[in-house]
């Protein structure tokens, strides 16, 4: 058996062990993935062949905007060299605030409005979006437990992370960050409503610049060369258009798929902000500056949502 086969077998064994230790988390991940697959199967064909094909193009363009912004931040890191940790934490705080506001104003509120049109105002509409929120949290929680990656602020790692180089742990962490952002872009543009999709895509693209910068600097900190760190950080942005295709694919079919998917994307983004981004900005003693950055990012996104809608 070759090395790659052995590594795959080790990882599969680690997944089984993790599932035995955390059966409810494993069941949650299976349920969330099954829900996403069901949405994709019910909506994907319609997205590619129905009268909403143009919306797939919008989603791809939105995802590519996120990729371009991530690439710009990565290249900026290569040009600037070292950036003070305080500045990085403020920039990540800004990104966190924009993600939180985008989740509220460009995903949850339009999702509630869309659900209300189909099931009426009140608890049923809220329940549809809450269902999506729960699925998004379960998806990211399961991926957090079952994907080898690193939490710099706590030292916790996924299964078999000891066998994965530090650089690639960071890369897998980046994937977990970028996937829900791309899904949010795709979902927000799946109905072709630019008053919803444009503010969110703009906000995510803006906050992808400091994320790309931070990723390249983090990769350099774990031993990668400047050029290598820039290239890997740029490549990590490809998860945005991929996630956008998943988002538009799962929210285009039956009517309730749209508000459920809006909630799912919001839940995934809020989970990432609370579980990954905010603790990262607070671990170096710059809590106040990072919190001010978060509030500024929230305010900027509120303004964009109003100005662009």
C-alpha atoms as a PDB file:
ATOM      1  CA  UNK A   1       0.000   0.000   0.000  1.00  0.00           C
ATOM      2  CA  UNK A   2       1.471   3.379  -0.990  1.00  0.00           C
ATOM      3  CA  UNK A   3       1.905   6.393   1.317  1.00  0.00           C
ATOM      4  CA  UNK A   4      -1.198   8.220   0.079  1.00  0.00           C
ATOM      5  CA  UNK A   5      -3.339   5.102   0.662  1.00  0.00           C
ATOM      6  CA  UNK A   6      -1.938   4.760   4.175  1.00  0.00           C
ATOM      7  CA  UNK A   7      -2.636   8.442   4.883  1.00  0.00           C
ATOM      8  CA  UNK A   8      -6.204   8.077   3.626  1.00  0.00           C
ATOM      9  CA  UNK A   9      -6.687   4.968   5.764  1.00  0.00           C
ATOM     10  CA  UNK A  10      -5.300   6.784   8.817  1.00  0.00           C
ATOM     11  CA  UNK A  11      -7.621   9.712   8.240  1.00  0.00           C
ATOM     12  CA  UNK A  12     -10.635   7.434   7.755  1.00  0.00           C
ATOM     13  CA  UNK A  13      -9.725   5.629  10.984  1.00  0.00           C
ATOM     14  CA  UNK A  14      -9.441   8.989  12.759  1.00  0.00           C
ATOM     15  CA  UNK A  15     -12.863  10.005  11.437  1.00  0.00           C
ATOM     16  CA  UNK A  16     -14.395   6.804  12.820  1.00  0.00           C
ATOM     17  CA  UNK A  17     -12.747   7.409  16.177  1.00  0.00           C
ATOM     18  CA  UNK A  18     -13.973  11.010  16.184  1.00  0.00           C
ATOM     19  CA  UNK A  19     -17.495   9.839  15.325  1.00  0.00           C
ATOM     20  CA  UNK A  20     -17.448   7.378  18.233  1.00  0.00           C
ATOM     21  CA  UNK A  21     -16.292  10.120  20.607  1.00  0.00           C
ATOM     22  CA  UNK A  22     -18.778  12.719  19.329  1.00  0.00           C
ATOM     23  CA  UNK A  23     -21.777  10.800  17.967  1.00  0.00           C
ATOM     24  CA  UNK A  24     -24.161  13.757  18.089  1.00  0.00           C
ATOM     25  CA  UNK A  25     -21.741  15.980  16.193  1.00  0.00           C
ATOM     26  CA  UNK A  26     -21.278  13.227  13.584  1.00  0.00           C
ATOM     27  CA  UNK A  27     -25.036  12.817  13.235  1.00  0.00           C
ATOM     28  CA  UNK A  28     -25.418  16.590  12.903  1.00  0.00           C
ATOM     29  CA  UNK A  29     -22.843  16.730  10.110  1.00  0.00           C
ATOM     30  CA  UNK A  30     -24.546  13.882   8.246  1.00  0.00           C
ATOM     31  CA  UNK A  31     -27.926  15.608   8.573  1.00  0.00           C
ATOM     32  CA  UNK A  32     -26.571  18.980   7.414  1.00  0.00           C
ATOM     33  CA  UNK A  33     -24.711  17.501   4.444  1.00  0.00           C
ATOM     34  CA  UNK A  34     -27.795  15.459   3.509  1.00  0.00           C
ATOM     35  CA  UNK A  35     -29.892  18.648   3.582  1.00  0.00           C
ATOM     36  CA  UNK A  36     -27.419  20.497   1.351  1.00  0.00           C
ATOM     37  CA  UNK A  37     -27.292  17.549  -1.079  1.00  0.00           C
ATOM     38  CA  UNK A  38     -31.107  17.394  -1.132  1.00  0.00           C
ATOM     39  CA  UNK A  39     -31.289  21.098  -1.900  1.00  0.00           C
ATOM     40  CA  UNK A  40     -28.673  20.719  -4.637  1.00  0.00           C
ATOM     41  CA  UNK A  41     -30.465  17.760  -6.225  1.00  0.00           C
ATOM     42  CA  UNK A  42     -33.821  19.521  -6.154  1.00  0.00           C
ATOM     43  CA  UNK A  43     -32.506  22.885  -7.324  1.00  0.00           C
ATOM     44  CA  UNK A  44     -29.319  22.321  -9.285  1.00  0.00           C
ATOM     45  CA  UNK A  45     -30.955  21.073 -12.479  1.00  0.00           C
ATOM     46  CA  UNK A  46     -33.396  23.967 -12.469  1.00  0.00           C
ATOM     47  CA  UNK A  47     -30.555  26.417 -11.877  1.00  0.00           C
ATOM     48  CA  UNK A  48     -28.639  25.154 -14.916  1.00  0.00           C
ATOM     49  CA  UNK A  49     -31.529  24.576 -17.320  1.00  0.00           C
ATOM     50  CA  UNK A  50     -34.438  26.784 -16.228  1.00  0.00           C
ATOM     51  CA  UNK A  51     -35.149  30.460 -16.673  1.00  0.00           C
ATOM     52  CA  UNK A  52     -32.727  31.281 -13.839  1.00  0.00           C
ATOM     53  CA  UNK A  53     -29.574  30.253 -15.700  1.00  0.00           C
ATOM     54  CA  UNK A  54     -28.459  33.888 -15.831  1.00  0.00           C
ATOM     55  CA  UNK A  55     -28.442  33.922 -12.029  1.00  0.00           C
ATOM     56  CA  UNK A  56     -25.712  31.265 -12.074  1.00  0.00           C
ATOM     57  CA  UNK A  57     -23.619  33.749 -14.027  1.00  0.00           C
ATOM     58  CA  UNK A  58     -24.289  36.410 -11.386  1.00  0.00           C
ATOM     59  CA  UNK A  59     -23.197  33.982  -8.682  1.00  0.00           C
ATOM     60  CA  UNK A  60     -19.990  33.053 -10.510  1.00  0.00           C
ATOM     61  CA  UNK A  61     -19.150  36.733 -11.024  1.00  0.00           C
ATOM     62  CA  UNK A  62     -19.819  37.391  -7.337  1.00  0.00           C
ATOM     63  CA  UNK A  63     -17.613  34.489  -6.316  1.00  0.00           C
ATOM     64  CA  UNK A  64     -14.871  35.690  -8.655  1.00  0.00           C
ATOM     65  CA  UNK A  65     -15.099  39.142  -7.025  1.00  0.00           C
ATOM     66  CA  UNK A  66     -14.385  37.483  -3.679  1.00  0.00           C
ATOM     67  CA  UNK A  67     -11.510  35.554  -5.235  1.00  0.00           C
ATOM     68  CA  UNK A  68     -10.047  38.722  -6.760  1.00  0.00           C
ATOM     69  CA  UNK A  69     -10.274  40.561  -3.434  1.00  0.00           C
ATOM     70  CA  UNK A  70      -8.577  37.685  -1.609  1.00  0.00           C
ATOM     71  CA  UNK A  71      -5.848  37.643  -4.256  1.00  0.00           C
ATOM     72  CA  UNK A  72      -5.364  41.412  -3.910  1.00  0.00           C
ATOM     73  CA  UNK A  73      -4.919  41.087  -0.142  1.00  0.00           C
ATOM     74  CA  UNK A  74      -2.450  38.237  -0.610  1.00  0.00           C
ATOM     75  CA  UNK A  75      -0.398  40.190  -3.143  1.00  0.00           C
ATOM     76  CA  UNK A  76      -0.500  43.196  -0.822  1.00  0.00           C
ATOM     77  CA  UNK A  77       1.063  41.048   1.900  1.00  0.00           C
ATOM     78  CA  UNK A  78       3.884  40.135  -0.491  1.00  0.00           C
ATOM     79  CA  UNK A  79       4.486  43.791  -1.347  1.00  0.00           C
ATOM     80  CA  UNK A  80       4.262  45.190   2.181  1.00  0.00           C
ATOM     81  CA  UNK A  81       6.236  42.488   3.923  1.00  0.00           C
ATOM     82  CA  UNK A  82       5.540  42.494   7.653  1.00  0.00           C
ATOM     83  CA  UNK A  83       2.381  44.162   9.005  1.00  0.00           C
ATOM     84  CA  UNK A  84       1.964  44.945  12.694  1.00  0.00           C
ATOM     85  CA  UNK A  85      -0.150  42.403  14.575  1.00  0.00           C
ATOM     86  CA  UNK A  86      -2.385  45.163  15.946  1.00  0.00           C
ATOM     87  CA  UNK A  87      -3.148  46.311  12.393  1.00  0.00           C
ATOM     88  CA  UNK A  88      -3.947  42.738  11.346  1.00  0.00           C
ATOM     89  CA  UNK A  89      -6.329  42.315  14.292  1.00  0.00           C
ATOM     90  CA  UNK A  90      -8.129  45.580  13.508  1.00  0.00           C
ATOM     91  CA  UNK A  91      -8.507  44.556   9.861  1.00  0.00           C
ATOM     92  CA  UNK A  92      -9.851  41.128  10.813  1.00  0.00           C
ATOM     93  CA  UNK A  93     -12.226  42.836  13.261  1.00  0.00           C
ATOM     94  CA  UNK A  94     -13.440  45.000  10.376  1.00  0.00           C
ATOM     95  CA  UNK A  95     -14.001  41.844   8.302  1.00  0.00           C
ATOM     96  CA  UNK A  96     -15.886  40.180  11.184  1.00  0.00           C
ATOM     97  CA  UNK A  97     -18.203  43.176  11.563  1.00  0.00           C
ATOM     98  CA  UNK A  98     -18.987  43.192   7.859  1.00  0.00           C
ATOM     99  CA  UNK A  99     -19.721  39.460   7.887  1.00  0.00           C
ATOM    100  CA  UNK A 100     -22.074  39.825  10.863  1.00  0.00           C
ATOM    101  CA  UNK A 101     -23.940  42.728   9.283  1.00  0.00           C
ATOM    102  CA  UNK A 102     -24.106  40.951   5.921  1.00  0.00           C
ATOM    103  CA  UNK A 103     -25.588  37.912   7.641  1.00  0.00           C
ATOM    104  CA  UNK A 104     -28.282  40.036   9.277  1.00  0.00           C
ATOM    105  CA  UNK A 105     -29.183  42.571   6.587  1.00  0.00           C
ATOM    106  CA  UNK A 106     -28.434  40.707   3.353  1.00  0.00           C
ATOM    107  CA  UNK A 107     -29.350  37.143   4.343  1.00  0.00           C
ATOM    108  CA  UNK A 108     -31.629  36.852   7.380  1.00  0.00           C
ATOM    109  CA  UNK A 109     -33.942  39.818   6.695  1.00  0.00           C
ATOM    110  CA  UNK A 110     -34.445  39.026   2.969  1.00  0.00           C
ATOM    111  CA  UNK A 111     -34.875  35.372   3.940  1.00  0.00           C
ATOM    112  CA  UNK A 112     -37.624  36.299   6.398  1.00  0.00           C
ATOM    113  CA  UNK A 113     -39.329  38.428   3.733  1.00  0.00           C
ATOM    114  CA  UNK A 114     -39.149  35.607   1.171  1.00  0.00           C
ATOM    115  CA  UNK A 115     -40.491  33.075   3.683  1.00  0.00           C
ATOM    116  CA  UNK A 116     -43.331  35.416   4.658  1.00  0.00           C
ATOM    117  CA  UNK A 117     -44.449  35.619   1.019  1.00  0.00           C
ATOM    118  CA  UNK A 118     -44.825  31.835   0.941  1.00  0.00           C
ATOM    119  CA  UNK A 119     -46.061  30.821   4.402  1.00  0.00           C
ATOM    120  CA  UNK A 120     -47.361  34.124   5.765  1.00  0.00           C
ATOM    121  CA  UNK A 121     -46.086  36.490   8.417  1.00  0.00           C
ATOM    122  CA  UNK A 122     -45.276  35.235  11.894  1.00  0.00           C
ATOM    123  CA  UNK A 123     -43.789  32.109  13.461  1.00  0.00           C
ATOM    124  CA  UNK A 124     -43.856  29.959  10.327  1.00  0.00           C
ATOM    125  CA  UNK A 125     -41.734  32.405   8.339  1.00  0.00           C
ATOM    126  CA  UNK A 126     -39.291  32.768  11.203  1.00  0.00           C
ATOM    127  CA  UNK A 127     -39.197  28.989  11.628  1.00  0.00           C
ATOM    128  CA  UNK A 128     -38.197  28.472   7.980  1.00  0.00           C
ATOM    129  CA  UNK A 129     -35.182  30.787   8.353  1.00  0.00           C
ATOM    130  CA  UNK A 130     -34.300  29.377  11.793  1.00  0.00           C
ATOM    131  CA  UNK A 131     -34.284  25.911  10.220  1.00  0.00           C
ATOM    132  CA  UNK A 132     -31.725  27.173   7.712  1.00  0.00           C
ATOM    133  CA  UNK A 133     -29.679  28.841  10.466  1.00  0.00           C
ATOM    134  CA  UNK A 134     -29.573  25.562  12.357  1.00  0.00           C
ATOM    135  CA  UNK A 135     -28.451  23.636   9.285  1.00  0.00           C
ATOM    136  CA  UNK A 136     -25.670  26.153   8.655  1.00  0.00           C
ATOM    137  CA  UNK A 137     -24.413  25.871  12.229  1.00  0.00           C
ATOM    138  CA  UNK A 138     -24.575  22.067  12.145  1.00  0.00           C
ATOM    139  CA  UNK A 139     -22.663  22.004   8.847  1.00  0.00           C
ATOM    140  CA  UNK A 140     -19.826  24.198  10.121  1.00  0.00           C
ATOM    141  CA  UNK A 141     -19.749  22.504  13.529  1.00  0.00           C
ATOM    142  CA  UNK A 142     -19.404  19.106  11.880  1.00  0.00           C
ATOM    143  CA  UNK A 143     -16.701  20.335   9.502  1.00  0.00           C
ATOM    144  CA  UNK A 144     -14.896  21.892  12.462  1.00  0.00           C
ATOM    145  CA  UNK A 145     -14.754  18.529  14.217  1.00  0.00           C
ATOM    146  CA  UNK A 146     -14.023  16.343  11.211  1.00  0.00           C
ATOM    147  CA  UNK A 147     -11.626  18.445   9.100  1.00  0.00           C
ATOM    148  CA  UNK A 148      -7.949  18.530  10.132  1.00  0.00           C
ATOM    149  CA  UNK A 149      -7.178  22.184  10.830  1.00  0.00           C
ATOM    150  CA  UNK A 150      -5.733  24.430  13.516  1.00  0.00           C
ATOM    151  CA  UNK A 151      -7.238  26.913  15.967  1.00  0.00           C
ATOM    152  CA  UNK A 152      -4.409  29.297  16.740  1.00  0.00           C
ATOM    153  CA  UNK A 153      -6.260  30.762  19.705  1.00  0.00           C
ATOM    154  CA  UNK A 154      -6.958  27.430  21.462  1.00  0.00           C
ATOM    155  CA  UNK A 155      -4.585  24.913  19.922  1.00  0.00           C
ATOM    156  CA  UNK A 156      -7.473  22.547  19.081  1.00  0.00           C
ATOM    157  CA  UNK A 157      -7.089  20.558  15.899  1.00  0.00           C
ATOM    158  CA  UNK A 158      -9.232  18.167  13.897  1.00  0.00           C
ATOM    159  CA  UNK A 159      -8.572  14.425  13.429  1.00  0.00           C
ATOM    160  CA  UNK A 160      -5.091  13.330  12.294  1.00  0.00           C
ATOM    161  CA  UNK A 161      -3.895  16.950  12.344  1.00  0.00           C
ATOM    162  CA  UNK A 162      -0.621  15.795  13.878  1.00  0.00           C
ATOM    163  CA  UNK A 163       0.153  14.058  10.570  1.00  0.00           C
ATOM    164  CA  UNK A 164      -0.600  17.178   8.518  1.00  0.00           C
ATOM    165  CA  UNK A 165       2.047  19.866   8.124  1.00  0.00           C
ATOM    166  CA  UNK A 166       1.414  23.175   9.862  1.00  0.00           C
ATOM    167  CA  UNK A 167       1.142  24.985   6.545  1.00  0.00           C
ATOM    168  CA  UNK A 168      -1.600  22.679   5.285  1.00  0.00           C
ATOM    169  CA  UNK A 169      -3.500  22.944   8.569  1.00  0.00           C
ATOM    170  CA  UNK A 170      -3.704  26.673   7.889  1.00  0.00           C
ATOM    171  CA  UNK A 171      -4.819  26.011   4.315  1.00  0.00           C
ATOM    172  CA  UNK A 172      -7.637  23.739   5.489  1.00  0.00           C
ATOM    173  CA  UNK A 173      -8.648  26.378   8.040  1.00  0.00           C
ATOM    174  CA  UNK A 174      -8.833  28.942   5.233  1.00  0.00           C
ATOM    175  CA  UNK A 175     -11.092  26.605   3.251  1.00  0.00           C
ATOM    176  CA  UNK A 176     -13.479  26.447   6.217  1.00  0.00           C
ATOM    177  CA  UNK A 177     -13.519  30.260   6.280  1.00  0.00           C
ATOM    178  CA  UNK A 178     -14.095  30.844   2.579  1.00  0.00           C
ATOM    179  CA  UNK A 179     -16.723  28.180   1.845  1.00  0.00           C
ATOM    180  CA  UNK A 180     -19.636  29.836   3.711  1.00  0.00           C
ATOM    181  CA  UNK A 181     -18.718  33.237   2.251  1.00  0.00           C
ATOM    182  CA  UNK A 182     -18.962  31.848  -1.288  1.00  0.00           C
ATOM    183  CA  UNK A 183     -22.221  30.072  -0.445  1.00  0.00           C
ATOM    184  CA  UNK A 184     -23.656  33.338   0.888  1.00  0.00           C
ATOM    185  CA  UNK A 185     -22.785  35.125  -2.354  1.00  0.00           C
ATOM    186  CA  UNK A 186     -24.412  32.401  -4.449  1.00  0.00           C
ATOM    187  CA  UNK A 187     -27.565  32.273  -2.340  1.00  0.00           C
ATOM    188  CA  UNK A 188     -27.958  36.065  -2.285  1.00  0.00           C
ATOM    189  CA  UNK A 189     -27.781  36.234  -6.099  1.00  0.00           C
ATOM    190  CA  UNK A 190     -29.837  33.112  -6.816  1.00  0.00           C
ATOM    191  CA  UNK A 191     -33.063  35.092  -7.353  1.00  0.00           C
ATOM    192  CA  UNK A 192     -31.358  37.710  -9.500  1.00  0.00           C
ATOM    193  CA  UNK A 193     -32.229  40.414  -6.943  1.00  0.00           C
ATOM    194  CA  UNK A 194     -29.201  42.725  -7.051  1.00  0.00           C
ATOM    195  CA  UNK A 195     -30.601  44.828  -4.195  1.00  0.00           C
ATOM    196  CA  UNK A 196     -29.898  41.783  -2.002  1.00  0.00           C
ATOM    197  CA  UNK A 197     -26.880  40.274  -3.741  1.00  0.00           C
ATOM    198  CA  UNK A 198     -24.863  43.384  -4.578  1.00  0.00           C
ATOM    199  CA  UNK A 199     -24.455  44.774  -1.020  1.00  0.00           C
ATOM    200  CA  UNK A 200     -23.546  41.354   0.356  1.00  0.00           C
ATOM    201  CA  UNK A 201     -21.098  40.569  -2.459  1.00  0.00           C
ATOM    202  CA  UNK A 202     -19.509  44.004  -2.063  1.00  0.00           C
ATOM    203  CA  UNK A 203     -19.165  43.547   1.689  1.00  0.00           C
ATOM    204  CA  UNK A 204     -17.646  40.086   1.392  1.00  0.00           C
ATOM    205  CA  UNK A 205     -15.237  41.260  -1.310  1.00  0.00           C
ATOM    206  CA  UNK A 206     -14.105  44.209   0.835  1.00  0.00           C
ATOM    207  CA  UNK A 207     -13.516  42.050   3.887  1.00  0.00           C
ATOM    208  CA  UNK A 208     -11.731  39.430   1.766  1.00  0.00           C
ATOM    209  CA  UNK A 209      -8.858  41.915   1.294  1.00  0.00           C
ATOM    210  CA  UNK A 210      -7.730  41.877   4.946  1.00  0.00           C
ATOM    211  CA  UNK A 211      -8.461  38.133   5.075  1.00  0.00           C
ATOM    212  CA  UNK A 212      -6.159  37.495   2.099  1.00  0.00           C
ATOM    213  CA  UNK A 213      -3.512  39.678   3.725  1.00  0.00           C
ATOM    214  CA  UNK A 214      -3.811  37.870   7.058  1.00  0.00           C
ATOM    215  CA  UNK A 215      -3.717  34.442   5.425  1.00  0.00           C
ATOM    216  CA  UNK A 216      -0.513  35.187   3.515  1.00  0.00           C
ATOM    217  CA  UNK A 217       1.136  36.575   6.659  1.00  0.00           C
ATOM    218  CA  UNK A 218       0.023  33.546   8.704  1.00  0.00           C
ATOM    219  CA  UNK A 219       1.459  31.153   6.112  1.00  0.00           C
ATOM    220  CA  UNK A 220       4.754  33.013   6.224  1.00  0.00           C
ATOM    221  CA  UNK A 221       4.718  32.776  10.024  1.00  0.00           C
ATOM    222  CA  UNK A 222       4.587  28.966   9.839  1.00  0.00           C
ATOM    223  CA  UNK A 223       7.629  28.784   7.578  1.00  0.00           C
ATOM    224  CA  UNK A 224       6.443  29.231   4.000  1.00  0.00           C
ATOM    225  CA  UNK A 225       8.387  31.493   1.652  1.00  0.00           C
ATOM    226  CA  UNK A 226       6.960  34.913   0.755  1.00  0.00           C
ATOM    227  CA  UNK A 227       6.089  33.879  -2.811  1.00  0.00           C
ATOM    228  CA  UNK A 228       4.711  30.514  -1.700  1.00  0.00           C
ATOM    229  CA  UNK A 229       2.538  32.158   0.950  1.00  0.00           C
ATOM    230  CA  UNK A 230       1.141  34.629  -1.582  1.00  0.00           C
ATOM    231  CA  UNK A 231       0.372  31.902  -4.126  1.00  0.00           C
ATOM    232  CA  UNK A 232      -1.371  29.616  -1.612  1.00  0.00           C
ATOM    233  CA  UNK A 233      -3.376  32.547  -0.193  1.00  0.00           C
ATOM    234  CA  UNK A 234      -4.436  33.524  -3.724  1.00  0.00           C
ATOM    235  CA  UNK A 235      -5.438  29.923  -4.485  1.00  0.00           C
ATOM    236  CA  UNK A 236      -7.492  29.747  -1.276  1.00  0.00           C
ATOM    237  CA  UNK A 237      -9.796  32.387  -2.762  1.00  0.00           C
ATOM    238  CA  UNK A 238     -10.970  29.831  -5.328  1.00  0.00           C
ATOM    239  CA  UNK A 239     -13.286  28.457  -2.634  1.00  0.00           C
ATOM    240  CA  UNK A 240     -15.409  31.588  -3.093  1.00  0.00           C
ATOM    241  CA  UNK A 241     -16.638  30.897  -6.677  1.00  0.00           C
ATOM    242  CA  UNK A 242     -16.944  27.179  -5.835  1.00  0.00           C
ATOM    243  CA  UNK A 243     -19.027  28.020  -2.766  1.00  0.00           C
ATOM    244  CA  UNK A 244     -21.072  30.469  -4.860  1.00  0.00           C
ATOM    245  CA  UNK A 245     -21.994  27.673  -7.281  1.00  0.00           C
ATOM    246  CA  UNK A 246     -23.073  25.495  -4.347  1.00  0.00           C
ATOM    247  CA  UNK A 247     -25.124  28.378  -2.950  1.00  0.00           C
ATOM    248  CA  UNK A 248     -26.961  29.194  -6.171  1.00  0.00           C
ATOM    249  CA  UNK A 249     -27.409  25.515  -6.926  1.00  0.00           C
ATOM    250  CA  UNK A 250     -29.137  24.700  -3.640  1.00  0.00           C
ATOM    251  CA  UNK A 251     -31.460  27.719  -3.497  1.00  0.00           C
ATOM    252  CA  UNK A 252     -32.964  27.927  -6.984  1.00  0.00           C
ATOM    253  CA  UNK A 253     -35.513  25.108  -7.047  1.00  0.00           C
ATOM    254  CA  UNK A 254     -38.655  24.822  -4.942  1.00  0.00           C
ATOM    255  CA  UNK A 255     -39.779  28.126  -3.350  1.00  0.00           C
ATOM    256  CA  UNK A 256     -38.843  27.417   0.288  1.00  0.00           C
ATOM    257  CA  UNK A 257     -35.313  26.445  -0.757  1.00  0.00           C
ATOM    258  CA  UNK A 258     -34.447  30.133  -1.097  1.00  0.00           C
ATOM    259  CA  UNK A 259     -35.244  31.301   2.474  1.00  0.00           C
ATOM    260  CA  UNK A 260     -33.868  28.070   3.956  1.00  0.00           C
ATOM    261  CA  UNK A 261     -30.631  28.570   2.021  1.00  0.00           C
ATOM    262  CA  UNK A 262     -30.451  32.223   3.125  1.00  0.00           C
ATOM    263  CA  UNK A 263     -30.659  31.070   6.719  1.00  0.00           C
ATOM    264  CA  UNK A 264     -28.118  28.303   6.124  1.00  0.00           C
ATOM    265  CA  UNK A 265     -25.553  30.707   4.651  1.00  0.00           C
ATOM    266  CA  UNK A 266     -26.130  33.186   7.496  1.00  0.00           C
ATOM    267  CA  UNK A 267     -25.767  30.487  10.147  1.00  0.00           C
ATOM    268  CA  UNK A 268     -22.518  29.256   8.608  1.00  0.00           C
ATOM    269  CA  UNK A 269     -21.061  32.780   8.414  1.00  0.00           C
ATOM    270  CA  UNK A 270     -22.052  33.727  11.966  1.00  0.00           C
ATOM    271  CA  UNK A 271     -20.529  30.469  13.237  1.00  0.00           C
ATOM    272  CA  UNK A 272     -17.225  31.219  11.511  1.00  0.00           C
ATOM    273  CA  UNK A 273     -17.152  34.785  12.866  1.00  0.00           C
ATOM    274  CA  UNK A 274     -17.833  33.724  16.455  1.00  0.00           C
ATOM    275  CA  UNK A 275     -15.785  30.523  16.457  1.00  0.00           C
ATOM    276  CA  UNK A 276     -12.772  31.565  14.400  1.00  0.00           C
ATOM    277  CA  UNK A 277     -12.422  35.235  13.499  1.00  0.00           C
ATOM    278  CA  UNK A 278     -13.268  37.055  16.761  1.00  0.00           C
ATOM    279  CA  UNK A 279     -11.128  34.772  18.982  1.00  0.00           C
ATOM    280  CA  UNK A 280      -8.258  35.226  16.519  1.00  0.00           C
ATOM    281  CA  UNK A 281      -8.486  39.031  16.812  1.00  0.00           C
ATOM    282  CA  UNK A 282      -8.540  38.854  20.631  1.00  0.00           C
ATOM    283  CA  UNK A 283      -5.692  36.436  21.301  1.00  0.00           C
ATOM    284  CA  UNK A 284      -2.883  39.008  21.003  1.00  0.00           C
ATOM    285  CA  UNK A 285      -4.167  41.528  23.554  1.00  0.00           C
ATOM    286  CA  UNK A 286      -5.765  43.889  21.026  1.00  0.00           C
ATOM    287  CA  UNK A 287      -9.371  43.263  22.046  1.00  0.00           C
ATOM    288  CA  UNK A 288     -10.429  46.905  22.208  1.00  0.00           C
ATOM    289  CA  UNK A 289      -8.922  47.873  18.853  1.00  0.00           C
ATOM    290  CA  UNK A 290     -10.373  44.750  17.227  1.00  0.00           C
ATOM    291  CA  UNK A 291     -13.823  45.450  18.699  1.00  0.00           C
ATOM    292  CA  UNK A 292     -13.724  49.024  17.372  1.00  0.00           C
ATOM    293  CA  UNK A 293     -12.806  47.553  13.984  1.00  0.00           C
ATOM    294  CA  UNK A 294     -15.749  45.142  14.217  1.00  0.00           C
ATOM    295  CA  UNK A 295     -18.167  47.988  14.973  1.00  0.00           C
ATOM    296  CA  UNK A 296     -16.751  50.019  12.084  1.00  0.00           C
ATOM    297  CA  UNK A 297     -17.172  47.047   9.738  1.00  0.00           C
ATOM    298  CA  UNK A 298     -20.756  46.558  10.906  1.00  0.00           C
ATOM    299  CA  UNK A 299     -21.505  50.242  10.263  1.00  0.00           C
ATOM    300  CA  UNK A 300     -19.902  50.139   6.808  1.00  0.00           C
ATOM    301  CA  UNK A 301     -21.999  47.137   5.829  1.00  0.00           C
ATOM    302  CA  UNK A 302     -25.169  48.812   7.110  1.00  0.00           C
ATOM    303  CA  UNK A 303     -24.361  51.814   4.932  1.00  0.00           C
ATOM    304  CA  UNK A 304     -23.612  49.651   1.880  1.00  0.00           C
ATOM    305  CA  UNK A 305     -26.839  47.730   2.350  1.00  0.00           C
ATOM    306  CA  UNK A 306     -28.785  51.007   2.333  1.00  0.00           C
ATOM    307  CA  UNK A 307     -26.812  52.764  -0.403  1.00  0.00           C
ATOM    308  CA  UNK A 308     -26.754  49.844  -2.845  1.00  0.00           C
ATOM    309  CA  UNK A 309     -30.275  48.498  -2.330  1.00  0.00           C
END
